[in-house]
């Protein structure tokens, strides 16, 4: 495994690893917990959202446990290198963050509920890290797939910043953008904590509840 690059900068296109034109490994067909397709088109009536919350192993589990979530997957997002691998992403030289794709039924679980999980289960003030996990691949990120998601995401950021400020915590550093290309991670990383129940699950939460 390559060591993480801990500098608080992202690579330029000239510095980034070259990657490859096509994915070099297959994506599992079925979710290990939900028994739904991991990849493919979003089913009719469903919606899609993307979240970066540090190590994607624990982040994914927080979403697949929610009623109304149809499927989840982990991957790499927000970078430069096409079709990166896990080891490449961990160098910090692809520009990606570890991200979770969530496909959900808005009639059962709202985007606002997903945002509450997002803010409360990591620390969005830490920049290029989460707890002891250092590097740009652990940065907080919120990527929207519709104008409605953008409006809700930006409003939720402002609400949560107010809650953080009240207890003396710093500014939110979350990267917020229209959803960039999502590159699926290798099979061992998909639903990792279902396969390894006592596996690594690091999330350095801010310890502040999202205001009701």
C-alpha atoms as a PDB file:
ATOM      1  CA  UNK A   1       0.000   0.000   0.000  1.00  0.00           C
ATOM      2  CA  UNK A   2       1.248   3.488  -0.802  1.00  0.00           C
ATOM      3  CA  UNK A   3       1.545   6.040   1.955  1.00  0.00           C
ATOM      4  CA  UNK A   4      -0.859   8.982   2.054  1.00  0.00           C
ATOM      5  CA  UNK A   5       0.338  12.367   0.895  1.00  0.00           C
ATOM      6  CA  UNK A   6      -0.473  14.680   3.795  1.00  0.00           C
ATOM      7  CA  UNK A   7       0.222  18.087   2.260  1.00  0.00           C
ATOM      8  CA  UNK A   8      -2.813  20.359   2.432  1.00  0.00           C
ATOM      9  CA  UNK A   9      -2.850  20.969  -1.307  1.00  0.00           C
ATOM     10  CA  UNK A  10      -4.378  19.284  -4.329  1.00  0.00           C
ATOM     11  CA  UNK A  11      -2.296  18.326  -7.363  1.00  0.00           C
ATOM     12  CA  UNK A  12      -2.483  20.343 -10.550  1.00  0.00           C
ATOM     13  CA  UNK A  13      -3.432  18.557 -13.800  1.00  0.00           C
ATOM     14  CA  UNK A  14       0.274  18.522 -14.643  1.00  0.00           C
ATOM     15  CA  UNK A  15       1.168  16.882 -11.319  1.00  0.00           C
ATOM     16  CA  UNK A  16      -1.687  14.369 -11.139  1.00  0.00           C
ATOM     17  CA  UNK A  17      -1.153  10.689 -11.856  1.00  0.00           C
ATOM     18  CA  UNK A  18      -2.123   9.708 -15.411  1.00  0.00           C
ATOM     19  CA  UNK A  19      -4.631   7.003 -14.562  1.00  0.00           C
ATOM     20  CA  UNK A  20      -6.116   4.922 -17.368  1.00  0.00           C
ATOM     21  CA  UNK A  21      -8.878   5.218 -19.963  1.00  0.00           C
ATOM     22  CA  UNK A  22     -10.957   2.380 -18.492  1.00  0.00           C
ATOM     23  CA  UNK A  23     -11.479   0.886 -15.062  1.00  0.00           C
ATOM     24  CA  UNK A  24      -8.950  -1.837 -14.388  1.00  0.00           C
ATOM     25  CA  UNK A  25     -11.191  -4.006 -12.174  1.00  0.00           C
ATOM     26  CA  UNK A  26     -14.833  -5.158 -12.131  1.00  0.00           C
ATOM     27  CA  UNK A  27     -17.506  -3.634  -9.908  1.00  0.00           C
ATOM     28  CA  UNK A  28     -19.610  -6.134  -7.919  1.00  0.00           C
ATOM     29  CA  UNK A  29     -23.076  -6.596  -9.368  1.00  0.00           C
ATOM     30  CA  UNK A  30     -24.996  -6.875  -6.088  1.00  0.00           C
ATOM     31  CA  UNK A  31     -24.861  -4.956  -2.809  1.00  0.00           C
ATOM     32  CA  UNK A  32     -23.564  -7.246  -0.052  1.00  0.00           C
ATOM     33  CA  UNK A  33     -26.214  -6.032   2.418  1.00  0.00           C
ATOM     34  CA  UNK A  34     -29.172  -4.699   0.435  1.00  0.00           C
ATOM     35  CA  UNK A  35     -28.989  -7.214  -2.450  1.00  0.00           C
ATOM     36  CA  UNK A  36     -29.651  -4.408  -4.934  1.00  0.00           C
ATOM     37  CA  UNK A  37     -27.515  -3.407  -7.935  1.00  0.00           C
ATOM     38  CA  UNK A  38     -24.478  -1.353  -6.945  1.00  0.00           C
ATOM     39  CA  UNK A  39     -23.991   0.401 -10.281  1.00  0.00           C
ATOM     40  CA  UNK A  40     -26.214   1.383 -13.171  1.00  0.00           C
ATOM     41  CA  UNK A  41     -29.011   3.834 -13.797  1.00  0.00           C
ATOM     42  CA  UNK A  42     -30.996   5.354 -10.941  1.00  0.00           C
ATOM     43  CA  UNK A  43     -34.397   3.596 -10.879  1.00  0.00           C
ATOM     44  CA  UNK A  44     -37.522   5.627 -11.613  1.00  0.00           C
ATOM     45  CA  UNK A  45     -38.716   7.521  -8.570  1.00  0.00           C
ATOM     46  CA  UNK A  46     -35.325   7.331  -6.869  1.00  0.00           C
ATOM     47  CA  UNK A  47     -32.674  10.027  -6.420  1.00  0.00           C
ATOM     48  CA  UNK A  48     -28.885   9.988  -6.174  1.00  0.00           C
ATOM     49  CA  UNK A  49     -26.528  11.848  -3.830  1.00  0.00           C
ATOM     50  CA  UNK A  50     -22.797  11.815  -3.067  1.00  0.00           C
ATOM     51  CA  UNK A  51     -20.986  12.405   0.231  1.00  0.00           C
ATOM     52  CA  UNK A  52     -17.317  12.566   1.292  1.00  0.00           C
ATOM     53  CA  UNK A  53     -16.878  12.045   5.038  1.00  0.00           C
ATOM     54  CA  UNK A  54     -13.383  10.685   5.530  1.00  0.00           C
ATOM     55  CA  UNK A  55     -12.712   6.944   5.293  1.00  0.00           C
ATOM     56  CA  UNK A  56     -15.500   5.594   3.107  1.00  0.00           C
ATOM     57  CA  UNK A  57     -15.791   2.243   4.899  1.00  0.00           C
ATOM     58  CA  UNK A  58     -17.689   3.621   7.885  1.00  0.00           C
ATOM     59  CA  UNK A  59     -19.411   6.373   5.939  1.00  0.00           C
ATOM     60  CA  UNK A  60     -21.080   3.869   3.612  1.00  0.00           C
ATOM     61  CA  UNK A  61     -22.485   1.823   6.501  1.00  0.00           C
ATOM     62  CA  UNK A  62     -24.161   4.877   7.996  1.00  0.00           C
ATOM     63  CA  UNK A  63     -26.210   5.265   4.826  1.00  0.00           C
ATOM     64  CA  UNK A  64     -27.059   1.649   3.969  1.00  0.00           C
ATOM     65  CA  UNK A  65     -28.633   1.306   7.433  1.00  0.00           C
ATOM     66  CA  UNK A  66     -31.256   3.957   6.675  1.00  0.00           C
ATOM     67  CA  UNK A  67     -34.764   2.884   5.618  1.00  0.00           C
ATOM     68  CA  UNK A  68     -35.433   4.178   2.122  1.00  0.00           C
ATOM     69  CA  UNK A  69     -31.856   3.809   0.889  1.00  0.00           C
ATOM     70  CA  UNK A  70     -31.931   1.590  -2.201  1.00  0.00           C
ATOM     71  CA  UNK A  71     -28.202   1.079  -2.693  1.00  0.00           C
ATOM     72  CA  UNK A  72     -24.802   2.479  -1.751  1.00  0.00           C
ATOM     73  CA  UNK A  73     -21.297   2.238  -3.156  1.00  0.00           C
ATOM     74  CA  UNK A  74     -17.882   3.656  -2.365  1.00  0.00           C
ATOM     75  CA  UNK A  75     -15.539   5.287  -4.809  1.00  0.00           C
ATOM     76  CA  UNK A  76     -13.294   8.207  -5.697  1.00  0.00           C
ATOM     77  CA  UNK A  77     -14.627  11.627  -6.634  1.00  0.00           C
ATOM     78  CA  UNK A  78     -13.637  15.243  -7.092  1.00  0.00           C
ATOM     79  CA  UNK A  79     -10.208  14.627  -8.593  1.00  0.00           C
ATOM     80  CA  UNK A  80      -8.270  14.636 -11.841  1.00  0.00           C
ATOM     81  CA  UNK A  81      -6.908  11.144 -12.510  1.00  0.00           C
ATOM     82  CA  UNK A  82      -9.287   8.990 -14.585  1.00  0.00           C
ATOM     83  CA  UNK A  83     -10.173   5.571 -13.154  1.00  0.00           C
ATOM     84  CA  UNK A  84      -7.837   5.756 -10.139  1.00  0.00           C
ATOM     85  CA  UNK A  85      -7.068   2.864  -7.824  1.00  0.00           C
ATOM     86  CA  UNK A  86      -7.191   2.932  -4.035  1.00  0.00           C
ATOM     87  CA  UNK A  87      -3.404   3.008  -3.736  1.00  0.00           C
ATOM     88  CA  UNK A  88      -3.178   5.861  -6.240  1.00  0.00           C
ATOM     89  CA  UNK A  89      -5.847   7.862  -4.418  1.00  0.00           C
ATOM     90  CA  UNK A  90      -3.988   7.368  -1.127  1.00  0.00           C
ATOM     91  CA  UNK A  91      -0.920   9.130  -2.519  1.00  0.00           C
ATOM     92  CA  UNK A  92      -2.898  12.377  -2.749  1.00  0.00           C
ATOM     93  CA  UNK A  93      -1.779  12.676  -6.364  1.00  0.00           C
ATOM     94  CA  UNK A  94      -5.133  11.956  -8.021  1.00  0.00           C
ATOM     95  CA  UNK A  95      -7.008  14.801  -6.323  1.00  0.00           C
ATOM     96  CA  UNK A  96      -9.933  12.581  -5.335  1.00  0.00           C
ATOM     97  CA  UNK A  97     -11.665  12.219  -2.019  1.00  0.00           C
ATOM     98  CA  UNK A  98     -13.160   8.962  -0.765  1.00  0.00           C
ATOM     99  CA  UNK A  99     -16.888   9.253  -1.451  1.00  0.00           C
ATOM    100  CA  UNK A 100     -20.140   7.357  -1.007  1.00  0.00           C
ATOM    101  CA  UNK A 101     -22.833   7.104  -3.668  1.00  0.00           C
ATOM    102  CA  UNK A 102     -26.325   6.878  -2.181  1.00  0.00           C
ATOM    103  CA  UNK A 103     -29.422   6.004  -4.218  1.00  0.00           C
ATOM    104  CA  UNK A 104     -32.548   6.580  -2.171  1.00  0.00           C
ATOM    105  CA  UNK A 105     -36.331   6.803  -2.300  1.00  0.00           C
ATOM    106  CA  UNK A 106     -37.325  10.406  -1.465  1.00  0.00           C
ATOM    107  CA  UNK A 107     -40.783   9.196  -0.462  1.00  0.00           C
ATOM    108  CA  UNK A 108     -39.206   7.252   2.409  1.00  0.00           C
ATOM    109  CA  UNK A 109     -36.039   9.144   3.335  1.00  0.00           C
ATOM    110  CA  UNK A 110     -35.539  12.800   2.453  1.00  0.00           C
ATOM    111  CA  UNK A 111     -32.353  14.480   1.291  1.00  0.00           C
ATOM    112  CA  UNK A 112     -32.599  16.594   4.450  1.00  0.00           C
ATOM    113  CA  UNK A 113     -32.327  13.401   6.515  1.00  0.00           C
ATOM    114  CA  UNK A 114     -29.258  12.339   4.538  1.00  0.00           C
ATOM    115  CA  UNK A 115     -27.710  15.759   5.151  1.00  0.00           C
ATOM    116  CA  UNK A 116     -28.293  15.372   8.899  1.00  0.00           C
ATOM    117  CA  UNK A 117     -26.393  12.070   8.835  1.00  0.00           C
ATOM    118  CA  UNK A 118     -23.646  13.723   6.800  1.00  0.00           C
ATOM    119  CA  UNK A 119     -23.063  16.662   9.149  1.00  0.00           C
ATOM    120  CA  UNK A 120     -23.380  14.746  12.407  1.00  0.00           C
ATOM    121  CA  UNK A 121     -21.177  11.752  11.629  1.00  0.00           C
ATOM    122  CA  UNK A 122     -17.942  13.462  10.651  1.00  0.00           C
ATOM    123  CA  UNK A 123     -16.118  16.694  11.477  1.00  0.00           C
ATOM    124  CA  UNK A 124     -16.489  19.112   8.534  1.00  0.00           C
ATOM    125  CA  UNK A 125     -14.035  21.624  10.031  1.00  0.00           C
ATOM    126  CA  UNK A 126     -10.856  19.523   9.730  1.00  0.00           C
ATOM    127  CA  UNK A 127      -9.779  20.235   6.164  1.00  0.00           C
ATOM    128  CA  UNK A 128      -7.685  17.491   4.619  1.00  0.00           C
ATOM    129  CA  UNK A 129      -8.171  14.982   7.411  1.00  0.00           C
ATOM    130  CA  UNK A 130     -10.597  13.125   9.659  1.00  0.00           C
ATOM    131  CA  UNK A 131      -9.125  12.393  13.060  1.00  0.00           C
ATOM    132  CA  UNK A 132      -5.883  10.478  12.576  1.00  0.00           C
ATOM    133  CA  UNK A 133      -6.549   9.970   8.869  1.00  0.00           C
ATOM    134  CA  UNK A 134      -4.480  12.587   7.056  1.00  0.00           C
ATOM    135  CA  UNK A 135      -4.583  13.538   3.395  1.00  0.00           C
ATOM    136  CA  UNK A 136      -6.710  15.153   0.728  1.00  0.00           C
ATOM    137  CA  UNK A 137      -8.546  11.854   0.138  1.00  0.00           C
ATOM    138  CA  UNK A 138     -10.211  12.309   3.534  1.00  0.00           C
ATOM    139  CA  UNK A 139     -11.584  15.805   2.934  1.00  0.00           C
ATOM    140  CA  UNK A 140     -15.240  16.571   3.579  1.00  0.00           C
ATOM    141  CA  UNK A 141     -17.277  16.878   0.388  1.00  0.00           C
ATOM    142  CA  UNK A 142     -20.913  17.356  -0.557  1.00  0.00           C
ATOM    143  CA  UNK A 143     -21.741  16.855  -4.234  1.00  0.00           C
ATOM    144  CA  UNK A 144     -25.246  17.604  -5.481  1.00  0.00           C
ATOM    145  CA  UNK A 145     -27.133  16.128  -8.431  1.00  0.00           C
ATOM    146  CA  UNK A 146     -29.963  18.684  -8.754  1.00  0.00           C
ATOM    147  CA  UNK A 147     -30.733  22.328  -8.098  1.00  0.00           C
ATOM    148  CA  UNK A 148     -32.939  21.265  -5.215  1.00  0.00           C
ATOM    149  CA  UNK A 149     -30.099  19.366  -3.603  1.00  0.00           C
ATOM    150  CA  UNK A 150     -27.818  22.349  -4.043  1.00  0.00           C
ATOM    151  CA  UNK A 151     -30.260  24.682  -2.319  1.00  0.00           C
ATOM    152  CA  UNK A 152     -30.791  22.233   0.540  1.00  0.00           C
ATOM    153  CA  UNK A 153     -27.069  21.499   0.907  1.00  0.00           C
ATOM    154  CA  UNK A 154     -26.050  25.151   1.057  1.00  0.00           C
ATOM    155  CA  UNK A 155     -28.830  25.977   3.517  1.00  0.00           C
ATOM    156  CA  UNK A 156     -27.867  23.028   5.731  1.00  0.00           C
ATOM    157  CA  UNK A 157     -24.233  24.150   5.730  1.00  0.00           C
ATOM    158  CA  UNK A 158     -25.255  27.573   7.010  1.00  0.00           C
ATOM    159  CA  UNK A 159     -27.469  26.056   9.699  1.00  0.00           C
ATOM    160  CA  UNK A 160     -24.747  23.689  10.874  1.00  0.00           C
ATOM    161  CA  UNK A 161     -22.120  26.424  10.820  1.00  0.00           C
ATOM    162  CA  UNK A 162     -24.314  28.384  13.207  1.00  0.00           C
ATOM    163  CA  UNK A 163     -24.446  25.406  15.557  1.00  0.00           C
ATOM    164  CA  UNK A 164     -20.676  24.940  15.384  1.00  0.00           C
ATOM    165  CA  UNK A 165     -20.000  28.618  15.999  1.00  0.00           C
ATOM    166  CA  UNK A 166     -22.205  28.611  19.090  1.00  0.00           C
ATOM    167  CA  UNK A 167     -19.927  26.075  20.770  1.00  0.00           C
ATOM    168  CA  UNK A 168     -16.705  27.734  19.652  1.00  0.00           C
ATOM    169  CA  UNK A 169     -15.772  25.468  16.755  1.00  0.00           C
ATOM    170  CA  UNK A 170     -14.233  26.640  13.487  1.00  0.00           C
ATOM    171  CA  UNK A 171     -15.392  27.106   9.923  1.00  0.00           C
ATOM    172  CA  UNK A 172     -16.764  24.359   7.726  1.00  0.00           C
ATOM    173  CA  UNK A 173     -14.245  23.316   5.066  1.00  0.00           C
ATOM    174  CA  UNK A 174     -16.582  21.032   3.103  1.00  0.00           C
ATOM    175  CA  UNK A 175     -16.049  21.045  -0.661  1.00  0.00           C
ATOM    176  CA  UNK A 176     -19.439  21.687  -2.280  1.00  0.00           C
ATOM    177  CA  UNK A 177     -19.858  21.177  -6.032  1.00  0.00           C
ATOM    178  CA  UNK A 178     -22.086  19.644  -8.703  1.00  0.00           C
ATOM    179  CA  UNK A 179     -21.377  15.918  -8.612  1.00  0.00           C
ATOM    180  CA  UNK A 180     -18.119  15.178 -10.482  1.00  0.00           C
ATOM    181  CA  UNK A 181     -17.359  11.812 -12.076  1.00  0.00           C
ATOM    182  CA  UNK A 182     -17.632   8.980  -9.577  1.00  0.00           C
ATOM    183  CA  UNK A 183     -15.145   6.137  -9.997  1.00  0.00           C
ATOM    184  CA  UNK A 184     -16.171   2.943  -8.204  1.00  0.00           C
ATOM    185  CA  UNK A 185     -13.660   1.534  -5.738  1.00  0.00           C
ATOM    186  CA  UNK A 186     -12.349  -2.015  -5.851  1.00  0.00           C
ATOM    187  CA  UNK A 187     -14.527  -4.916  -4.650  1.00  0.00           C
ATOM    188  CA  UNK A 188     -12.912  -5.334  -1.184  1.00  0.00           C
ATOM    189  CA  UNK A 189     -13.899  -1.758  -0.297  1.00  0.00           C
ATOM    190  CA  UNK A 190     -17.573  -2.128  -1.233  1.00  0.00           C
ATOM    191  CA  UNK A 191     -19.640  -2.708   1.955  1.00  0.00           C
ATOM    192  CA  UNK A 192     -16.345  -3.342   3.727  1.00  0.00           C
ATOM    193  CA  UNK A 193     -17.796  -3.303   7.246  1.00  0.00           C
ATOM    194  CA  UNK A 194     -20.397  -5.909   6.311  1.00  0.00           C
ATOM    195  CA  UNK A 195     -17.550  -8.210   5.265  1.00  0.00           C
ATOM    196  CA  UNK A 196     -15.272  -7.222   8.160  1.00  0.00           C
ATOM    197  CA  UNK A 197     -17.661  -6.276  11.007  1.00  0.00           C
ATOM    198  CA  UNK A 198     -14.845  -5.279  13.369  1.00  0.00           C
ATOM    199  CA  UNK A 199     -12.897  -3.456  10.681  1.00  0.00           C
ATOM    200  CA  UNK A 200     -11.550   0.070  10.842  1.00  0.00           C
ATOM    201  CA  UNK A 201     -14.242   2.727  11.260  1.00  0.00           C
ATOM    202  CA  UNK A 202     -12.799   6.143  12.014  1.00  0.00           C
ATOM    203  CA  UNK A 203     -15.025   9.183  12.160  1.00  0.00           C
ATOM    204  CA  UNK A 204     -13.952  12.206  14.171  1.00  0.00           C
ATOM    205  CA  UNK A 205     -17.315  13.862  14.665  1.00  0.00           C
ATOM    206  CA  UNK A 206     -17.617  17.446  15.796  1.00  0.00           C
ATOM    207  CA  UNK A 207     -19.940  16.260  18.551  1.00  0.00           C
ATOM    208  CA  UNK A 208     -22.604  18.812  17.615  1.00  0.00           C
ATOM    209  CA  UNK A 209     -26.158  17.800  16.767  1.00  0.00           C
ATOM    210  CA  UNK A 210     -27.731  19.218  13.635  1.00  0.00           C
ATOM    211  CA  UNK A 211     -30.416  21.693  14.814  1.00  0.00           C
ATOM    212  CA  UNK A 212     -33.963  20.370  14.547  1.00  0.00           C
END
